[in-house]
Amino acid sequence: MIFDFERDFAASLRCIPMIVRQKLDLVKIKLTLRQWSRFPAEAREKLVALPCATPQEQQAYYAQVAKDIDTYCDDALRPLENVDYAAWEKPDACPPDVLRQAREDDVPPPTAAQWAALPPLKRFVLVKLASSKHENMNFVPALKEFGLLPST
């Protein structure tokens, strides 16, 4: 699944789409854009499509990414450390980074009910876009796409 807000840069799979970013977080692999760009289109498409929900699927996903890095890249697989799943996996409270980013963008943050109703991938996207380590210019477009703000 490629979101509308990322179509300009992710539809061609030249950038790592959010669906793959979430899967990489789940399997705790740090994949650089340089590594991603070395994967052929078929390998990128496969990583978009492969499931990664169950422990078995996550193990298979990890193995596929490790194989792709080994096959197409000249550097080693790097583990992703300090992954905060609680920020997006738990629907009970909107995380502080999302609330802060909404304030900075002068938009209302998701209500508790809206946050709880979002599927995990959309919560992941908002947390990732609100993180201080990520470019957050797509935060408001994502809120609109997810029906949390009126489209204008």
N, C-alpha and C. Protein backbone atom coordinates (compact mmCIF):
# COMPACT_ATOMS: atom_id res chain seq x y z
N MET A 1 0.83 -1.18 0.00
CA MET A 1 0.00 0.00 0.00
C MET A 1 0.88 1.25 0.00
N ILE A 2 0.69 2.06 -0.98
CA ILE A 2 1.37 3.35 -1.06
C ILE A 2 0.31 4.42 -0.80
N PHE A 3 0.57 5.28 0.17
CA PHE A 3 -0.38 6.34 0.50
C PHE A 3 -0.32 7.45 -0.53
N ASP A 4 -1.42 8.19 -0.67
CA ASP A 4 -1.47 9.30 -1.62
C ASP A 4 -0.39 10.34 -1.33
N PHE A 5 -0.16 10.65 -0.05
CA PHE A 5 0.81 11.70 0.28
C PHE A 5 2.24 11.31 -0.10
N GLU A 6 2.49 10.03 -0.32
CA GLU A 6 3.84 9.60 -0.68
C GLU A 6 3.95 9.18 -2.15
N ARG A 7 2.90 9.36 -2.92
CA ARG A 7 2.89 8.93 -4.33
C ARG A 7 4.00 9.59 -5.15
N ASP A 8 4.27 10.87 -4.92
CA ASP A 8 5.28 11.57 -5.71
C ASP A 8 6.66 10.93 -5.59
N PHE A 9 6.98 10.41 -4.43
CA PHE A 9 8.32 9.90 -4.23
C PHE A 9 8.39 8.40 -3.96
N ALA A 10 7.27 7.76 -3.61
CA ALA A 10 7.33 6.34 -3.27
C ALA A 10 6.67 5.45 -4.32
N ALA A 11 5.80 5.99 -5.14
CA ALA A 11 5.10 5.17 -6.12
C ALA A 11 6.08 4.47 -7.06
N SER A 12 7.15 5.15 -7.40
CA SER A 12 8.17 4.56 -8.27
C SER A 12 9.10 3.64 -7.48
N LEU A 13 8.93 3.63 -6.16
CA LEU A 13 9.75 2.86 -5.24
C LEU A 13 11.20 3.32 -5.25
N ARG A 14 11.45 4.57 -5.63
CA ARG A 14 12.80 5.09 -5.51
C ARG A 14 13.10 5.48 -4.08
N CYS A 15 12.04 5.74 -3.29
CA CYS A 15 12.17 5.96 -1.85
C CYS A 15 11.46 4.83 -1.12
N ILE A 16 11.82 4.64 0.12
CA ILE A 16 11.25 3.54 0.90
C ILE A 16 9.85 3.95 1.36
N PRO A 17 8.82 3.25 0.90
CA PRO A 17 7.47 3.61 1.31
C PRO A 17 7.20 3.25 2.77
N MET A 18 6.23 3.92 3.35
CA MET A 18 5.90 3.73 4.76
C MET A 18 5.57 2.28 5.10
N ILE A 19 4.92 1.57 4.22
CA ILE A 19 4.59 0.17 4.50
C ILE A 19 5.86 -0.65 4.71
N VAL A 20 6.90 -0.36 3.95
CA VAL A 20 8.17 -1.07 4.12
C VAL A 20 8.88 -0.56 5.38
N ARG A 21 8.80 0.73 5.65
CA ARG A 21 9.42 1.26 6.86
C ARG A 21 8.86 0.59 8.10
N GLN A 22 7.54 0.39 8.11
CA GLN A 22 6.92 -0.27 9.26
C GLN A 22 7.44 -1.70 9.39
N LYS A 23 7.50 -2.41 8.29
CA LYS A 23 7.98 -3.79 8.32
C LYS A 23 9.43 -3.86 8.78
N LEU A 24 10.25 -2.92 8.34
CA LEU A 24 11.64 -2.88 8.77
C LEU A 24 11.74 -2.63 10.27
N ASP A 25 10.88 -1.75 10.79
CA ASP A 25 10.86 -1.53 12.23
C ASP A 25 10.45 -2.80 12.96
N LEU A 26 9.47 -3.50 12.42
CA LEU A 26 9.00 -4.73 13.07
C LEU A 26 10.09 -5.79 13.15
N VAL A 27 10.93 -5.86 12.12
CA VAL A 27 12.00 -6.87 12.12
C VAL A 27 13.33 -6.30 12.59
N LYS A 28 13.32 -5.02 12.97
CA LYS A 28 14.48 -4.34 13.55
C LYS A 28 15.70 -4.33 12.63
N ILE A 29 15.45 -3.92 11.38
CA ILE A 29 16.54 -3.75 10.42
C ILE A 29 16.61 -2.28 10.02
N LYS A 30 17.82 -1.74 10.04
CA LYS A 30 18.07 -0.38 9.56
C LYS A 30 18.48 -0.50 8.10
N LEU A 31 17.59 -0.05 7.21
CA LEU A 31 17.88 -0.10 5.78
C LEU A 31 18.05 1.34 5.30
N THR A 32 19.18 1.63 4.70
CA THR A 32 19.41 2.98 4.22
C THR A 32 18.80 3.16 2.83
N LEU A 33 18.59 4.40 2.47
CA LEU A 33 18.08 4.69 1.13
C LEU A 33 19.10 4.23 0.08
N ARG A 34 20.37 4.33 0.40
CA ARG A 34 21.42 3.86 -0.52
C ARG A 34 21.26 2.36 -0.77
N GLN A 35 21.04 1.60 0.30
CA GLN A 35 20.84 0.16 0.13
C GLN A 35 19.57 -0.11 -0.68
N TRP A 36 18.48 0.55 -0.32
CA TRP A 36 17.20 0.38 -1.03
C TRP A 36 17.37 0.65 -2.51
N SER A 37 18.11 1.71 -2.84
CA SER A 37 18.27 2.09 -4.25
C SER A 37 19.08 1.06 -5.03
N ARG A 38 19.83 0.23 -4.36
CA ARG A 38 20.60 -0.81 -5.05
C ARG A 38 19.76 -2.06 -5.33
N PHE A 39 18.62 -2.19 -4.66
CA PHE A 39 17.75 -3.34 -4.91
C PHE A 39 17.07 -3.15 -6.27
N PRO A 40 16.97 -4.19 -7.08
CA PRO A 40 16.21 -4.06 -8.33
C PRO A 40 14.72 -3.87 -8.01
N ALA A 41 13.99 -3.37 -8.98
CA ALA A 41 12.56 -3.07 -8.79
C ALA A 41 11.80 -4.29 -8.27
N GLU A 42 12.11 -5.46 -8.77
CA GLU A 42 11.39 -6.67 -8.34
C GLU A 42 11.59 -6.93 -6.85
N ALA A 43 12.80 -6.71 -6.36
CA ALA A 43 13.08 -6.93 -4.94
C ALA A 43 12.33 -5.91 -4.09
N ARG A 44 12.29 -4.66 -4.55
CA ARG A 44 11.55 -3.62 -3.81
C ARG A 44 10.06 -3.95 -3.77
N GLU A 45 9.52 -4.34 -4.92
CA GLU A 45 8.09 -4.68 -4.99
C GLU A 45 7.77 -5.86 -4.07
N LYS A 46 8.69 -6.81 -4.01
CA LYS A 46 8.49 -7.96 -3.14
C LYS A 46 8.43 -7.54 -1.68
N LEU A 47 9.30 -6.60 -1.28
CA LEU A 47 9.31 -6.15 0.11
C LEU A 47 8.06 -5.34 0.44
N VAL A 48 7.48 -4.68 -0.54
CA VAL A 48 6.20 -3.99 -0.32
C VAL A 48 5.10 -5.03 -0.09
N ALA A 49 5.10 -6.08 -0.89
CA ALA A 49 4.01 -7.05 -0.89
C ALA A 49 4.09 -8.11 0.21
N LEU A 50 5.29 -8.47 0.62
CA LEU A 50 5.43 -9.56 1.60
C LEU A 50 4.71 -9.22 2.90
N PRO A 51 3.98 -10.18 3.46
CA PRO A 51 3.34 -9.94 4.75
C PRO A 51 4.39 -9.94 5.87
N CYS A 52 4.05 -9.28 6.97
CA CYS A 52 5.01 -9.17 8.08
C CYS A 52 4.27 -9.02 9.41
N ALA A 53 3.17 -9.73 9.58
CA ALA A 53 2.36 -9.57 10.79
C ALA A 53 2.67 -10.61 11.86
N THR A 54 2.78 -11.85 11.47
CA THR A 54 2.99 -12.92 12.45
C THR A 54 4.49 -13.11 12.70
N PRO A 55 4.85 -13.78 13.77
CA PRO A 55 6.27 -14.05 14.01
C PRO A 55 6.93 -14.81 12.84
N GLN A 56 6.21 -15.74 12.23
CA GLN A 56 6.77 -16.49 11.10
C GLN A 56 6.97 -15.57 9.90
N GLU A 57 5.99 -14.70 9.64
CA GLU A 57 6.12 -13.76 8.52
C GLU A 57 7.27 -12.78 8.78
N GLN A 58 7.43 -12.36 10.01
CA GLN A 58 8.52 -11.44 10.35
C GLN A 58 9.87 -12.11 10.18
N GLN A 59 9.95 -13.38 10.54
CA GLN A 59 11.19 -14.13 10.35
C GLN A 59 11.51 -14.24 8.86
N ALA A 60 10.50 -14.52 8.05
CA ALA A 60 10.70 -14.63 6.60
C ALA A 60 11.06 -13.27 6.00
N TYR A 61 10.44 -12.20 6.49
CA TYR A 61 10.72 -10.86 5.99
C TYR A 61 12.17 -10.49 6.31
N TYR A 62 12.56 -10.74 7.55
CA TYR A 62 13.94 -10.47 7.96
C TYR A 62 14.91 -11.21 7.04
N ALA A 63 14.64 -12.48 6.81
CA ALA A 63 15.52 -13.29 5.95
C ALA A 63 15.58 -12.72 4.54
N GLN A 64 14.45 -12.25 4.01
CA GLN A 64 14.44 -11.69 2.66
C GLN A 64 15.25 -10.40 2.58
N VAL A 65 15.07 -9.52 3.55
CA VAL A 65 15.84 -8.27 3.55
C VAL A 65 17.33 -8.57 3.70
N ALA A 66 17.66 -9.49 4.60
CA ALA A 66 19.07 -9.86 4.79
C ALA A 66 19.66 -10.41 3.50
N LYS A 67 18.90 -11.25 2.80
CA LYS A 67 19.36 -11.82 1.53
C LYS A 67 19.55 -10.71 0.48
N ASP A 68 18.58 -9.78 0.42
CA ASP A 68 18.69 -8.68 -0.55
C ASP A 68 19.90 -7.80 -0.27
N ILE A 69 20.13 -7.50 1.00
CA ILE A 69 21.30 -6.68 1.35
C ILE A 69 22.58 -7.41 0.96
N ASP A 70 22.63 -8.69 1.26
CA ASP A 70 23.82 -9.49 0.94
C ASP A 70 24.03 -9.58 -0.57
N THR A 71 22.94 -9.71 -1.32
CA THR A 71 23.02 -9.87 -2.77
C THR A 71 23.35 -8.58 -3.50
N TYR A 72 22.73 -7.49 -3.10
CA TYR A 72 22.79 -6.26 -3.90
C TYR A 72 23.64 -5.13 -3.31
N CYS A 73 24.08 -5.27 -2.07
CA CYS A 73 24.79 -4.17 -1.41
C CYS A 73 26.19 -4.60 -1.00
N ASP A 74 27.04 -3.60 -0.85
CA ASP A 74 28.41 -3.90 -0.45
C ASP A 74 28.64 -3.64 1.03
N ASP A 75 27.57 -3.41 1.78
CA ASP A 75 27.71 -3.24 3.21
C ASP A 75 26.81 -4.24 3.93
N ALA A 76 27.04 -4.38 5.22
CA ALA A 76 26.36 -5.41 5.99
C ALA A 76 25.01 -4.93 6.51
N LEU A 77 24.18 -5.89 6.86
CA LEU A 77 22.91 -5.62 7.52
C LEU A 77 23.20 -4.95 8.86
N ARG A 78 22.43 -3.91 9.15
CA ARG A 78 22.58 -3.22 10.44
C ARG A 78 21.29 -3.34 11.22
N PRO A 79 21.39 -3.71 12.48
CA PRO A 79 20.17 -3.80 13.30
C PRO A 79 19.63 -2.40 13.63
N LEU A 80 18.34 -2.33 13.76
CA LEU A 80 17.68 -1.10 14.17
C LEU A 80 17.50 -1.19 15.68
N GLU A 81 18.01 -0.21 16.37
CA GLU A 81 17.94 -0.25 17.83
C GLU A 81 16.94 0.77 18.34
N ASN A 82 16.49 0.56 19.56
CA ASN A 82 15.59 1.49 20.25
C ASN A 82 14.30 1.76 19.48
N VAL A 83 13.66 0.71 19.02
CA VAL A 83 12.37 0.86 18.34
C VAL A 83 11.29 0.98 19.40
N ASP A 84 10.48 2.05 19.31
CA ASP A 84 9.41 2.28 20.28
C ASP A 84 8.07 1.88 19.67
N TYR A 85 7.73 0.59 19.81
CA TYR A 85 6.47 0.11 19.26
C TYR A 85 5.27 0.68 19.99
N ALA A 86 5.42 0.97 21.28
CA ALA A 86 4.30 1.44 22.08
C ALA A 86 3.70 2.71 21.49
N ALA A 87 4.52 3.53 20.87
CA ALA A 87 4.03 4.81 20.35
C ALA A 87 2.97 4.63 19.28
N TRP A 88 3.04 3.57 18.52
CA TRP A 88 2.06 3.39 17.44
C TRP A 88 1.22 2.12 17.58
N GLU A 89 1.69 1.15 18.32
CA GLU A 89 0.90 -0.09 18.44
C GLU A 89 -0.27 0.04 19.40
N LYS A 90 -0.13 0.90 20.39
CA LYS A 90 -1.19 1.04 21.39
C LYS A 90 -2.18 2.14 20.99
N PRO A 91 -3.44 1.76 20.87
CA PRO A 91 -4.43 2.74 20.43
C PRO A 91 -5.01 3.61 21.55
N ASP A 92 -4.56 3.41 22.80
CA ASP A 92 -5.21 4.11 23.90
C ASP A 92 -4.87 5.58 24.04
N ALA A 93 -3.75 6.03 23.52
CA ALA A 93 -3.40 7.45 23.68
C ALA A 93 -2.53 7.92 22.52
N CYS A 94 -2.86 9.08 22.02
CA CYS A 94 -2.07 9.68 20.94
C CYS A 94 -0.69 10.07 21.52
N PRO A 95 0.39 9.64 20.88
CA PRO A 95 1.73 9.89 21.41
C PRO A 95 2.10 11.38 21.45
N PRO A 96 2.97 11.75 22.39
CA PRO A 96 3.39 13.15 22.53
C PRO A 96 3.97 13.76 21.25
N ASP A 97 4.74 12.98 20.47
CA ASP A 97 5.32 13.53 19.24
C ASP A 97 4.24 13.93 18.24
N VAL A 98 3.17 13.14 18.16
CA VAL A 98 2.07 13.47 17.24
C VAL A 98 1.35 14.72 17.73
N LEU A 99 1.12 14.82 19.03
CA LEU A 99 0.48 16.02 19.59
C LEU A 99 1.35 17.25 19.35
N ARG A 100 2.65 17.12 19.57
CA ARG A 100 3.59 18.24 19.36
C ARG A 100 3.60 18.67 17.90
N GLN A 101 3.66 17.70 16.98
CA GLN A 101 3.71 18.05 15.56
C GLN A 101 2.43 18.74 15.12
N ALA A 102 1.30 18.29 15.61
CA ALA A 102 0.03 18.94 15.29
C ALA A 102 0.05 20.39 15.77
N ARG A 103 0.55 20.62 16.98
CA ARG A 103 0.66 22.00 17.51
C ARG A 103 1.57 22.83 16.60
N GLU A 104 2.72 22.27 16.24
CA GLU A 104 3.67 23.01 15.39
C GLU A 104 3.07 23.33 14.03
N ASP A 105 2.22 22.46 13.52
CA ASP A 105 1.58 22.67 12.22
C ASP A 105 0.26 23.43 12.35
N ASP A 106 -0.09 23.80 13.60
CA ASP A 106 -1.30 24.57 13.86
C ASP A 106 -2.56 23.87 13.34
N VAL A 107 -2.64 22.58 13.62
CA VAL A 107 -3.82 21.79 13.27
C VAL A 107 -4.26 21.02 14.51
N PRO A 108 -5.53 20.65 14.59
CA PRO A 108 -5.96 19.87 15.75
C PRO A 108 -5.37 18.46 15.69
N PRO A 109 -4.90 17.96 16.82
CA PRO A 109 -4.37 16.59 16.82
C PRO A 109 -5.52 15.59 16.75
N PRO A 110 -5.22 14.35 16.43
CA PRO A 110 -6.28 13.34 16.45
C PRO A 110 -6.88 13.25 17.86
N THR A 111 -8.18 13.12 17.92
CA THR A 111 -8.83 12.90 19.21
C THR A 111 -8.50 11.48 19.68
N ALA A 112 -8.78 11.20 20.92
CA ALA A 112 -8.55 9.86 21.45
C ALA A 112 -9.33 8.82 20.64
N ALA A 113 -10.57 9.15 20.31
CA ALA A 113 -11.40 8.23 19.53
C ALA A 113 -10.85 8.04 18.11
N GLN A 114 -10.39 9.12 17.49
CA GLN A 114 -9.81 9.02 16.15
C GLN A 114 -8.54 8.16 16.18
N TRP A 115 -7.68 8.42 17.17
CA TRP A 115 -6.43 7.66 17.28
C TRP A 115 -6.73 6.18 17.46
N ALA A 116 -7.67 5.87 18.33
CA ALA A 116 -8.03 4.48 18.61
C ALA A 116 -8.60 3.78 17.39
N ALA A 117 -9.28 4.54 16.53
CA ALA A 117 -9.91 3.95 15.35
C ALA A 117 -8.94 3.73 14.19
N LEU A 118 -7.77 4.35 14.24
CA LEU A 118 -6.79 4.18 13.16
C LEU A 118 -6.18 2.79 13.19
N PRO A 119 -5.98 2.19 12.02
CA PRO A 119 -5.25 0.92 12.00
C PRO A 119 -3.78 1.16 12.36
N PRO A 120 -3.09 0.12 12.81
CA PRO A 120 -1.69 0.29 13.23
C PRO A 120 -0.79 0.95 12.19
N LEU A 121 -0.95 0.63 10.91
CA LEU A 121 -0.08 1.24 9.89
C LEU A 121 -0.25 2.76 9.86
N LYS A 122 -1.47 3.25 9.95
CA LYS A 122 -1.68 4.70 9.92
C LYS A 122 -1.15 5.36 11.18
N ARG A 123 -1.29 4.68 12.33
CA ARG A 123 -0.69 5.23 13.55
C ARG A 123 0.83 5.26 13.40
N PHE A 124 1.42 4.21 12.83
CA PHE A 124 2.85 4.17 12.58
C PHE A 124 3.28 5.36 11.73
N VAL A 125 2.54 5.60 10.65
CA VAL A 125 2.88 6.68 9.72
C VAL A 125 2.90 8.03 10.45
N LEU A 126 1.87 8.29 11.24
CA LEU A 126 1.81 9.59 11.94
C LEU A 126 2.94 9.71 12.96
N VAL A 127 3.25 8.64 13.65
CA VAL A 127 4.37 8.69 14.60
C VAL A 127 5.67 8.93 13.87
N LYS A 128 5.88 8.22 12.77
CA LYS A 128 7.11 8.36 12.00
C LYS A 128 7.24 9.78 11.43
N LEU A 129 6.14 10.30 10.88
CA LEU A 129 6.17 11.65 10.31
C LEU A 129 6.34 12.72 11.37
N ALA A 130 5.92 12.44 12.59
CA ALA A 130 6.05 13.42 13.67
C ALA A 130 7.39 13.33 14.38
N SER A 131 8.12 12.27 14.12
CA SER A 131 9.39 12.09 14.82
C SER A 131 10.39 13.16 14.41
N SER A 132 11.17 13.59 15.37
CA SER A 132 12.12 14.67 15.10
C SER A 132 13.21 14.26 14.12
N LYS A 133 13.37 12.96 13.90
CA LYS A 133 14.41 12.49 12.98
C LYS A 133 13.90 12.39 11.54
N HIS A 134 12.66 12.71 11.31
CA HIS A 134 12.06 12.50 10.00
C HIS A 134 11.57 13.84 9.44
N GLU A 135 11.65 13.99 8.14
CA GLU A 135 11.04 15.16 7.51
C GLU A 135 9.55 15.06 7.72
N ASN A 136 8.94 16.11 8.24
CA ASN A 136 7.53 16.01 8.59
C ASN A 136 6.61 16.86 7.72
N MET A 137 7.06 17.19 6.53
CA MET A 137 6.22 18.00 5.64
C MET A 137 4.98 17.24 5.19
N ASN A 138 4.97 15.93 5.34
CA ASN A 138 3.81 15.14 4.94
C ASN A 138 2.86 14.83 6.09
N PHE A 139 3.13 15.39 7.27
CA PHE A 139 2.29 15.12 8.43
C PHE A 139 0.85 15.60 8.19
N VAL A 140 0.68 16.84 7.80
CA VAL A 140 -0.67 17.38 7.57
C VAL A 140 -1.34 16.67 6.39
N PRO A 141 -0.66 16.46 5.25
CA PRO A 141 -1.30 15.68 4.18
C PRO A 141 -1.74 14.28 4.64
N ALA A 142 -0.95 13.65 5.50
CA ALA A 142 -1.34 12.33 6.01
C ALA A 142 -2.59 12.44 6.89
N LEU A 143 -2.64 13.45 7.76
CA LEU A 143 -3.83 13.66 8.59
C LEU A 143 -5.07 13.83 7.71
N LYS A 144 -4.93 14.59 6.64
CA LYS A 144 -6.06 14.79 5.72
C LYS A 144 -6.44 13.48 5.02
N GLU A 145 -5.44 12.77 4.53
CA GLU A 145 -5.70 11.51 3.84
C GLU A 145 -6.38 10.49 4.75
N PHE A 146 -6.02 10.50 6.01
CA PHE A 146 -6.59 9.55 6.97
C PHE A 146 -7.94 10.00 7.52
N GLY A 147 -8.44 11.14 7.01
CA GLY A 147 -9.76 11.63 7.43
C GLY A 147 -9.77 12.30 8.79
N LEU A 148 -8.59 12.73 9.25
CA LEU A 148 -8.50 13.36 10.57
C LEU A 148 -8.58 14.88 10.49
N LEU A 149 -8.45 15.40 9.30
CA LEU A 149 -8.60 16.83 9.02
C LEU A 149 -9.42 16.97 7.76
N PRO A 150 -10.17 18.04 7.65
CA PRO A 150 -10.90 18.25 6.39
C PRO A 150 -9.93 18.48 5.24
N SER A 151 -10.26 17.95 4.09
CA SER A 151 -9.47 18.21 2.88
C SER A 151 -9.85 19.57 2.35
N THR A 152 -8.84 20.32 1.96
CA THR A 152 -9.13 21.68 1.44
C THR A 152 -8.61 21.83 0.04
